[in-house]
C-alpha atoms as a PDB file:
ATOM      1  CA  MET A   1      14.322  13.888 -21.194  1.00  0.00           C
ATOM      2  CA  GLN A   2      14.174  17.684 -22.139  1.00  0.00           C
ATOM      3  CA  PHE A   3      11.924  16.889 -25.450  1.00  0.00           C
ATOM      4  CA  THR A   4       9.214  14.901 -23.548  1.00  0.00           C
ATOM      5  CA  GLU A   5       8.946  17.717 -20.822  1.00  0.00           C
ATOM      6  CA  GLU A   6       8.697  19.975 -24.091  1.00  0.00           C
ATOM      7  CA  ILE A   7       6.537  17.986 -25.856  1.00  0.00           C
ATOM      8  CA  SER A   8       3.927  17.650 -23.103  1.00  0.00           C
ATOM      9  CA  ASN A   9       3.976  21.120 -22.228  1.00  0.00           C
ATOM     10  CA  GLY A  10       5.797  20.496 -18.994  1.00  0.00           C
ATOM     11  CA  ARG A  11       3.118  17.764 -17.566  1.00  0.00           C
ATOM     12  CA  VAL A  12       5.620  15.061 -18.314  1.00  0.00           C
ATOM     13  CA  LYS A  13       9.109  15.101 -16.377  1.00  0.00           C
ATOM     14  CA  LEU A  14      11.183  12.264 -16.760  1.00  0.00           C
ATOM     15  CA  GLY A  15      14.588  11.505 -14.526  1.00  0.00           C
ATOM     16  CA  ALA A  16      17.678   9.227 -15.247  1.00  0.00           C
ATOM     17  CA  GLY A  17      16.575   6.748 -13.076  1.00  0.00           C
ATOM     18  CA  THR A  18      12.898   6.610 -14.703  1.00  0.00           C
ATOM     19  CA  ILE A  19      14.457   6.154 -18.478  1.00  0.00           C
ATOM     20  CA  TYR A  20      17.140   3.762 -17.672  1.00  0.00           C
ATOM     21  CA  GLY A  21      14.707   1.668 -15.735  1.00  0.00           C
ATOM     22  CA  ALA A  22      12.503   1.718 -18.587  1.00  0.00           C
ATOM     23  CA  ILE A  23      15.519   0.576 -21.113  1.00  0.00           C
ATOM     24  CA  LYS A  24      16.411  -2.276 -18.608  1.00  0.00           C
ATOM     25  CA  THR A  25      12.691  -3.723 -18.189  1.00  0.00           C
ATOM     26  CA  MET A  26      12.593  -3.602 -22.413  1.00  0.00           C
ATOM     27  CA  LEU A  27      15.731  -5.164 -22.890  1.00  0.00           C
ATOM     28  CA  ASP A  28      14.683  -7.999 -20.363  1.00  0.00           C
ATOM     29  CA  LYS A  29      11.515  -8.692 -22.184  1.00  0.00           C
ATOM     30  CA  GLY A  30      13.111  -8.836 -25.293  1.00  0.00           C
ATOM     31  CA  TRP A  31      11.299  -5.761 -26.690  1.00  0.00           C
ATOM     32  CA  ILE A  32      14.548  -3.919 -27.562  1.00  0.00           C
ATOM     33  CA  GLU A  33      18.337  -4.907 -28.277  1.00  0.00           C
ATOM     34  CA  ALA A  34      21.445  -3.106 -27.523  1.00  0.00           C
ATOM     35  CA  LEU A  35      23.303  -2.707 -31.031  1.00  0.00           C
ATOM     36  CA  GLY A  36      26.609  -0.913 -29.208  1.00  0.00           C
ATOM     37  CA  GLY A  37      27.477   3.110 -28.861  1.00  0.00           C
ATOM     38  CA  ASN A  38      29.755   5.015 -26.843  1.00  0.00           C
ATOM     39  CA  ASP A  39      29.758   6.129 -23.157  1.00  0.00           C
ATOM     40  CA  ARG A  40      27.192   9.178 -23.998  1.00  0.00           C
ATOM     41  CA  LYS A  41      24.859   7.399 -26.955  1.00  0.00           C
ATOM     42  CA  LYS A  42      23.657   3.972 -26.536  1.00  0.00           C
ATOM     43  CA  ASN A  43      21.919   2.734 -29.934  1.00  0.00           C
ATOM     44  CA  MET A  44      18.599   0.561 -29.475  1.00  0.00           C
ATOM     45  CA  SER A  45      16.783  -1.397 -32.010  1.00  0.00           C
ATOM     46  CA  LEU A  46      13.027  -2.201 -31.564  1.00  0.00           C
ATOM     47  CA  ARG A  47      12.186  -5.992 -32.124  1.00  0.00           C
ATOM     48  CA  MET A  48       9.541  -7.699 -33.861  1.00  0.00           C
ATOM     49  CA  LYS A  49       8.490  -8.685 -30.400  1.00  0.00           C
ATOM     50  CA  GLY A  50       8.240  -5.170 -29.196  1.00  0.00           C
ATOM     51  CA  GLN A  51       6.300  -3.901 -31.818  1.00  0.00           C
ATOM     52  CA  LYS A  52       2.928  -5.203 -30.949  1.00  0.00           C
ATOM     53  CA  TRP A  53       3.175  -3.006 -27.809  1.00  0.00           C
ATOM     54  CA  LEU A  54       3.541   0.142 -29.458  1.00  0.00           C
ATOM     55  CA  PRO A  55       0.651   2.448 -29.300  1.00  0.00           C
ATOM     56  CA  MET A  56      -0.834   3.252 -33.201  1.00  0.00           C
ATOM     57  CA  TYR A  57      -1.222   7.291 -33.681  1.00  0.00           C
END
């Protein structure tokens, strides 16, 4: 969350609810999959279905 605010020069501020809501939506749509982790860190993987939605820079 802090990194997002930093790289956007303070224009974008994400809260925990926004992040977890987005993660839940992406899991439900099959764009990402949970790989495990611990209480503080969750590992996710981008699935082929989600790759077509990534912006190309």
